[in-house]
Amino acid sequence: QVHVVESGGGLVQAGGSLRLSCAASGRVLNNGAMGWFRQAPGKERESVAGISWIGSTYYAESVKGRFTISRDFAKNTVSLQMNSLKLEDTAVYYCNVNGRYYNGMYYAGPDWGQGTQVTVSS
């Protein structure tokens, strides 16, 4: 069993920054990828960023150049630094653990956090 907890969401003005953090415990695979997804109201959950066990990264086109994913392998944590936030970044952000990174893409694993709300205001 894997326990996943996100933190760092909140309300920010457009153009501002937020940093999300995620801590995983339990059966976290040493060679598993970790990533972030988001779901806006009325929309499907979408992949935002992912990082492999060797540090290779994936970003959705909509966040490239603005978001940065990083990982602490020793602590089983993953963070998402979000800069230049836009109104369309408003969503619930979910951390995903034990995913797969393949051919430059991140594929979700079975373990999810409960989500943290990010709201960008004008």
N, C-alpha and C. Protein backbone atom coordinates (compact mmCIF):
# COMPACT_ATOMS: atom_id res chain seq x y z
N GLN A 1 0.85 -1.20 0.00
CA GLN A 1 0.00 0.00 0.00
C GLN A 1 0.88 1.25 0.00
N VAL A 2 0.43 2.27 -0.69
CA VAL A 2 1.18 3.51 -0.81
C VAL A 2 0.34 4.66 -0.30
N HIS A 3 0.94 5.49 0.52
CA HIS A 3 0.27 6.67 1.05
C HIS A 3 0.86 7.90 0.38
N VAL A 4 0.01 8.71 -0.24
CA VAL A 4 0.47 9.87 -1.01
C VAL A 4 -0.23 11.12 -0.49
N VAL A 5 0.55 12.12 -0.16
CA VAL A 5 -0.02 13.35 0.40
C VAL A 5 0.56 14.56 -0.33
N GLU A 6 -0.35 15.38 -0.86
CA GLU A 6 0.08 16.62 -1.53
C GLU A 6 -0.08 17.81 -0.58
N SER A 7 0.67 18.86 -0.86
CA SER A 7 0.53 20.10 -0.12
C SER A 7 0.98 21.25 -1.00
N GLY A 8 0.60 22.47 -0.61
CA GLY A 8 1.11 23.64 -1.29
C GLY A 8 0.14 24.35 -2.21
N GLY A 9 -1.06 23.83 -2.35
CA GLY A 9 -2.03 24.52 -3.19
C GLY A 9 -2.51 25.81 -2.54
N GLY A 10 -3.29 26.56 -3.29
CA GLY A 10 -3.82 27.80 -2.74
C GLY A 10 -4.33 28.72 -3.82
N LEU A 11 -4.53 29.97 -3.40
CA LEU A 11 -5.03 31.02 -4.29
C LEU A 11 -3.89 31.95 -4.65
N VAL A 12 -3.74 32.23 -5.93
CA VAL A 12 -2.66 33.10 -6.39
C VAL A 12 -3.16 33.93 -7.56
N GLN A 13 -2.61 35.11 -7.71
CA GLN A 13 -2.98 35.94 -8.84
C GLN A 13 -2.27 35.48 -10.10
N ALA A 14 -2.88 35.76 -11.21
CA ALA A 14 -2.25 35.43 -12.49
C ALA A 14 -0.87 36.07 -12.57
N GLY A 15 0.07 35.27 -13.06
CA GLY A 15 1.45 35.72 -13.11
C GLY A 15 2.27 35.34 -11.91
N GLY A 16 1.62 34.87 -10.88
CA GLY A 16 2.30 34.49 -9.65
C GLY A 16 2.84 33.08 -9.69
N SER A 17 3.33 32.64 -8.53
CA SER A 17 3.96 31.33 -8.44
C SER A 17 3.41 30.54 -7.25
N LEU A 18 3.46 29.23 -7.38
CA LEU A 18 3.15 28.31 -6.29
C LEU A 18 4.06 27.11 -6.42
N ARG A 19 4.31 26.48 -5.29
CA ARG A 19 5.09 25.26 -5.29
C ARG A 19 4.28 24.16 -4.62
N LEU A 20 4.05 23.08 -5.35
CA LEU A 20 3.36 21.92 -4.81
C LEU A 20 4.37 20.87 -4.39
N SER A 21 4.05 20.20 -3.31
CA SER A 21 4.91 19.13 -2.84
C SER A 21 4.09 17.87 -2.62
N CYS A 22 4.76 16.74 -2.75
CA CYS A 22 4.10 15.45 -2.58
C CYS A 22 5.05 14.50 -1.87
N ALA A 23 4.54 13.85 -0.84
CA ALA A 23 5.33 12.88 -0.10
C ALA A 23 4.66 11.51 -0.21
N ALA A 24 5.45 10.52 -0.56
CA ALA A 24 4.93 9.16 -0.70
C ALA A 24 5.61 8.24 0.30
N SER A 25 4.85 7.33 0.84
CA SER A 25 5.41 6.34 1.76
C SER A 25 4.77 4.99 1.50
N GLY A 26 5.42 3.96 2.01
CA GLY A 26 4.91 2.61 1.78
C GLY A 26 5.64 1.95 0.62
N ARG A 27 4.92 1.25 -0.22
CA ARG A 27 5.52 0.47 -1.30
C ARG A 27 5.79 1.36 -2.53
N VAL A 28 6.80 2.22 -2.36
CA VAL A 28 7.22 3.09 -3.46
C VAL A 28 8.36 2.41 -4.19
N LEU A 29 8.17 2.19 -5.48
CA LEU A 29 9.17 1.48 -6.27
C LEU A 29 10.40 2.36 -6.49
N ASN A 30 11.57 1.80 -6.29
CA ASN A 30 12.81 2.56 -6.50
C ASN A 30 12.95 3.02 -7.95
N ASN A 31 12.47 2.21 -8.89
CA ASN A 31 12.59 2.58 -10.31
C ASN A 31 11.27 3.10 -10.87
N GLY A 32 10.38 3.50 -10.04
CA GLY A 32 9.11 4.04 -10.50
C GLY A 32 9.20 5.53 -10.80
N ALA A 33 8.38 5.97 -11.71
CA ALA A 33 8.30 7.40 -12.03
C ALA A 33 7.24 8.05 -11.14
N MET A 34 7.35 9.37 -11.03
CA MET A 34 6.38 10.13 -10.25
C MET A 34 5.92 11.31 -11.09
N GLY A 35 4.71 11.78 -10.84
CA GLY A 35 4.23 12.86 -11.68
C GLY A 35 3.06 13.61 -11.09
N TRP A 36 2.62 14.60 -11.83
CA TRP A 36 1.49 15.43 -11.44
C TRP A 36 0.46 15.46 -12.55
N PHE A 37 -0.79 15.38 -12.13
CA PHE A 37 -1.92 15.53 -13.03
C PHE A 37 -2.80 16.65 -12.49
N ARG A 38 -3.74 17.10 -13.30
CA ARG A 38 -4.68 18.09 -12.81
C ARG A 38 -6.04 17.87 -13.46
N GLN A 39 -7.05 18.34 -12.76
CA GLN A 39 -8.41 18.22 -13.29
C GLN A 39 -9.16 19.50 -12.98
N ALA A 40 -9.56 20.18 -14.04
CA ALA A 40 -10.35 21.39 -13.91
C ALA A 40 -11.83 21.02 -13.93
N PRO A 41 -12.68 21.88 -13.40
CA PRO A 41 -14.13 21.58 -13.38
C PRO A 41 -14.66 21.29 -14.79
N GLY A 42 -15.36 20.19 -14.91
CA GLY A 42 -15.97 19.84 -16.18
C GLY A 42 -15.02 19.26 -17.20
N LYS A 43 -13.78 19.04 -16.80
CA LYS A 43 -12.80 18.50 -17.75
C LYS A 43 -12.22 17.20 -17.23
N GLU A 44 -11.60 16.47 -18.13
CA GLU A 44 -10.95 15.22 -17.75
C GLU A 44 -9.61 15.51 -17.07
N ARG A 45 -9.17 14.56 -16.27
CA ARG A 45 -7.86 14.67 -15.65
C ARG A 45 -6.79 14.60 -16.74
N GLU A 46 -5.80 15.47 -16.65
CA GLU A 46 -4.75 15.51 -17.65
C GLU A 46 -3.38 15.49 -17.00
N SER A 47 -2.43 14.95 -17.72
CA SER A 47 -1.07 14.89 -17.24
C SER A 47 -0.42 16.26 -17.34
N VAL A 48 0.33 16.63 -16.32
CA VAL A 48 1.01 17.92 -16.29
C VAL A 48 2.52 17.74 -16.42
N ALA A 49 3.08 16.88 -15.61
CA ALA A 49 4.53 16.68 -15.62
C ALA A 49 4.85 15.33 -14.98
N GLY A 50 5.99 14.78 -15.36
CA GLY A 50 6.43 13.53 -14.80
C GLY A 50 7.94 13.48 -14.75
N ILE A 51 8.47 12.65 -13.88
CA ILE A 51 9.91 12.51 -13.75
C ILE A 51 10.25 11.05 -13.50
N SER A 52 11.23 10.56 -14.24
CA SER A 52 11.60 9.16 -14.14
C SER A 52 12.55 8.94 -12.95
N TRP A 53 12.90 7.67 -12.74
CA TRP A 53 13.77 7.35 -11.62
C TRP A 53 15.20 7.80 -11.85
N ILE A 54 15.53 8.15 -13.11
CA ILE A 54 16.86 8.69 -13.37
C ILE A 54 16.81 10.19 -13.62
N GLY A 55 15.66 10.81 -13.41
CA GLY A 55 15.57 12.24 -13.51
C GLY A 55 15.13 12.81 -14.85
N SER A 56 14.77 11.95 -15.79
CA SER A 56 14.24 12.45 -17.06
C SER A 56 12.85 13.04 -16.82
N THR A 57 12.54 14.11 -17.54
CA THR A 57 11.28 14.80 -17.27
C THR A 57 10.38 14.88 -18.49
N TYR A 58 9.10 14.99 -18.19
CA TYR A 58 8.06 15.19 -19.20
C TYR A 58 7.22 16.38 -18.77
N TYR A 59 6.82 17.21 -19.70
CA TYR A 59 5.90 18.32 -19.43
C TYR A 59 4.84 18.38 -20.51
N ALA A 60 3.63 18.67 -20.10
CA ALA A 60 2.59 18.96 -21.06
C ALA A 60 2.95 20.26 -21.78
N GLU A 61 2.54 20.36 -23.03
CA GLU A 61 2.87 21.55 -23.83
C GLU A 61 2.38 22.83 -23.16
N SER A 62 1.25 22.75 -22.49
CA SER A 62 0.64 23.93 -21.91
C SER A 62 1.43 24.50 -20.73
N VAL A 63 2.35 23.71 -20.17
CA VAL A 63 3.09 24.19 -18.99
C VAL A 63 4.59 24.29 -19.24
N LYS A 64 5.05 23.88 -20.40
CA LYS A 64 6.49 23.93 -20.69
C LYS A 64 7.02 25.35 -20.55
N GLY A 65 8.16 25.46 -19.89
CA GLY A 65 8.78 26.75 -19.69
C GLY A 65 8.26 27.50 -18.48
N ARG A 66 7.18 27.01 -17.89
CA ARG A 66 6.60 27.66 -16.71
C ARG A 66 6.67 26.78 -15.46
N PHE A 67 6.51 25.48 -15.64
CA PHE A 67 6.51 24.54 -14.53
C PHE A 67 7.80 23.74 -14.52
N THR A 68 8.26 23.39 -13.32
CA THR A 68 9.45 22.56 -13.18
C THR A 68 9.17 21.47 -12.15
N ILE A 69 9.40 20.23 -12.55
CA ILE A 69 9.22 19.11 -11.64
C ILE A 69 10.58 18.68 -11.11
N SER A 70 10.62 18.31 -9.85
CA SER A 70 11.86 17.82 -9.26
C SER A 70 11.52 16.72 -8.27
N ARG A 71 12.55 15.95 -7.92
CA ARG A 71 12.30 14.77 -7.11
C ARG A 71 13.45 14.56 -6.14
N ASP A 72 13.13 14.17 -4.94
CA ASP A 72 14.12 13.76 -3.95
C ASP A 72 13.96 12.25 -3.79
N PHE A 73 14.89 11.52 -4.35
CA PHE A 73 14.76 10.07 -4.38
C PHE A 73 14.90 9.46 -2.99
N ALA A 74 15.72 10.06 -2.18
CA ALA A 74 15.94 9.52 -0.84
C ALA A 74 14.71 9.67 0.03
N LYS A 75 13.96 10.75 -0.18
CA LYS A 75 12.80 11.03 0.67
C LYS A 75 11.47 10.64 0.02
N ASN A 76 11.53 10.15 -1.22
CA ASN A 76 10.30 9.81 -1.95
C ASN A 76 9.35 11.00 -2.02
N THR A 77 9.90 12.13 -2.38
CA THR A 77 9.08 13.31 -2.56
C THR A 77 9.23 13.85 -3.98
N VAL A 78 8.21 14.50 -4.45
CA VAL A 78 8.25 15.14 -5.76
C VAL A 78 7.58 16.50 -5.63
N SER A 79 8.15 17.50 -6.30
CA SER A 79 7.64 18.85 -6.21
C SER A 79 7.34 19.40 -7.59
N LEU A 80 6.48 20.38 -7.63
CA LEU A 80 6.14 21.04 -8.89
C LEU A 80 6.18 22.54 -8.64
N GLN A 81 7.18 23.19 -9.19
CA GLN A 81 7.29 24.65 -9.11
C GLN A 81 6.53 25.23 -10.28
N MET A 82 5.55 26.05 -9.97
CA MET A 82 4.68 26.61 -11.00
C MET A 82 4.86 28.13 -11.02
N ASN A 83 5.38 28.62 -12.13
CA ASN A 83 5.60 30.05 -12.31
C ASN A 83 4.71 30.59 -13.42
N SER A 84 4.57 31.90 -13.46
CA SER A 84 3.77 32.55 -14.50
C SER A 84 2.41 31.90 -14.64
N LEU A 85 1.76 31.71 -13.54
CA LEU A 85 0.48 31.00 -13.55
C LEU A 85 -0.58 31.76 -14.32
N LYS A 86 -1.42 30.99 -15.00
CA LYS A 86 -2.49 31.53 -15.81
C LYS A 86 -3.84 31.09 -15.24
N LEU A 87 -4.88 31.80 -15.65
CA LEU A 87 -6.22 31.43 -15.19
C LEU A 87 -6.53 29.98 -15.51
N GLU A 88 -6.08 29.53 -16.67
CA GLU A 88 -6.38 28.17 -17.11
C GLU A 88 -5.62 27.10 -16.35
N ASP A 89 -4.72 27.50 -15.46
CA ASP A 89 -4.03 26.53 -14.61
C ASP A 89 -4.87 26.16 -13.38
N THR A 90 -5.99 26.84 -13.20
CA THR A 90 -6.87 26.54 -12.08
C THR A 90 -7.39 25.11 -12.19
N ALA A 91 -7.16 24.32 -11.14
CA ALA A 91 -7.56 22.91 -11.15
C ALA A 91 -7.20 22.29 -9.80
N VAL A 92 -7.68 21.07 -9.62
CA VAL A 92 -7.18 20.24 -8.53
C VAL A 92 -5.98 19.48 -9.07
N TYR A 93 -4.87 19.57 -8.37
CA TYR A 93 -3.65 18.92 -8.79
C TYR A 93 -3.43 17.65 -7.97
N TYR A 94 -3.14 16.57 -8.69
CA TYR A 94 -2.97 15.27 -8.06
C TYR A 94 -1.54 14.76 -8.26
N CYS A 95 -0.98 14.24 -7.21
CA CYS A 95 0.32 13.58 -7.31
C CYS A 95 0.10 12.11 -7.64
N ASN A 96 0.95 11.58 -8.51
CA ASN A 96 0.87 10.18 -8.91
C ASN A 96 2.21 9.49 -8.67
N VAL A 97 2.15 8.30 -8.15
CA VAL A 97 3.37 7.57 -7.76
C VAL A 97 3.38 6.19 -8.40
N ASN A 98 4.59 5.66 -8.56
CA ASN A 98 4.76 4.33 -9.16
C ASN A 98 4.25 4.29 -10.60
N GLY A 99 4.47 5.42 -11.29
CA GLY A 99 4.11 5.48 -12.70
C GLY A 99 5.24 4.95 -13.57
N ARG A 100 5.07 5.20 -14.87
CA ARG A 100 6.07 4.72 -15.83
C ARG A 100 6.45 5.87 -16.76
N TYR A 101 7.74 5.98 -17.00
CA TYR A 101 8.24 6.99 -17.94
C TYR A 101 8.80 6.24 -19.13
N TYR A 102 8.24 6.53 -20.30
CA TYR A 102 8.65 5.77 -21.49
C TYR A 102 8.56 6.65 -22.71
N ASN A 103 9.64 6.69 -23.48
CA ASN A 103 9.66 7.48 -24.73
C ASN A 103 9.24 8.92 -24.51
N GLY A 104 9.73 9.49 -23.41
CA GLY A 104 9.47 10.90 -23.16
C GLY A 104 8.09 11.22 -22.65
N MET A 105 7.33 10.21 -22.35
CA MET A 105 5.97 10.41 -21.85
C MET A 105 5.83 9.80 -20.45
N TYR A 106 4.93 10.37 -19.67
CA TYR A 106 4.65 9.84 -18.34
C TYR A 106 3.31 9.11 -18.35
N TYR A 107 3.32 7.90 -17.82
CA TYR A 107 2.11 7.09 -17.75
C TYR A 107 1.78 6.85 -16.28
N ALA A 108 0.55 7.15 -15.91
CA ALA A 108 0.17 7.11 -14.51
C ALA A 108 0.26 5.71 -13.92
N GLY A 109 0.71 5.66 -12.68
CA GLY A 109 0.68 4.43 -11.90
C GLY A 109 -0.60 4.37 -11.10
N PRO A 110 -0.73 3.38 -10.24
CA PRO A 110 -1.99 3.15 -9.54
C PRO A 110 -2.19 3.98 -8.27
N ASP A 111 -1.18 4.71 -7.88
CA ASP A 111 -1.23 5.35 -6.57
C ASP A 111 -1.36 6.87 -6.69
N TRP A 112 -2.41 7.38 -6.07
CA TRP A 112 -2.76 8.80 -6.17
C TRP A 112 -2.90 9.44 -4.81
N GLY A 113 -2.62 10.74 -4.78
CA GLY A 113 -2.97 11.52 -3.61
C GLY A 113 -4.41 11.99 -3.73
N GLN A 114 -4.86 12.70 -2.71
CA GLN A 114 -6.24 13.18 -2.69
C GLN A 114 -6.42 14.49 -3.44
N GLY A 115 -5.34 15.12 -3.79
CA GLY A 115 -5.43 16.35 -4.58
C GLY A 115 -5.31 17.61 -3.75
N THR A 116 -4.82 18.65 -4.40
CA THR A 116 -4.73 19.97 -3.76
C THR A 116 -5.21 21.02 -4.75
N GLN A 117 -6.03 21.93 -4.27
CA GLN A 117 -6.65 22.93 -5.15
C GLN A 117 -5.68 24.06 -5.44
N VAL A 118 -5.58 24.39 -6.71
CA VAL A 118 -4.84 25.58 -7.15
C VAL A 118 -5.83 26.49 -7.87
N THR A 119 -5.96 27.70 -7.39
CA THR A 119 -6.88 28.66 -8.00
C THR A 119 -6.09 29.90 -8.39
N VAL A 120 -6.17 30.24 -9.67
CA VAL A 120 -5.49 31.42 -10.19
C VAL A 120 -6.54 32.48 -10.49
N SER A 121 -6.38 33.63 -9.91
CA SER A 121 -7.36 34.71 -10.08
C SER A 121 -6.79 35.82 -10.94
N SER A 122 -7.69 36.59 -11.51
CA SER A 122 -7.25 37.69 -12.39
C SER A 122 -6.99 38.95 -11.60
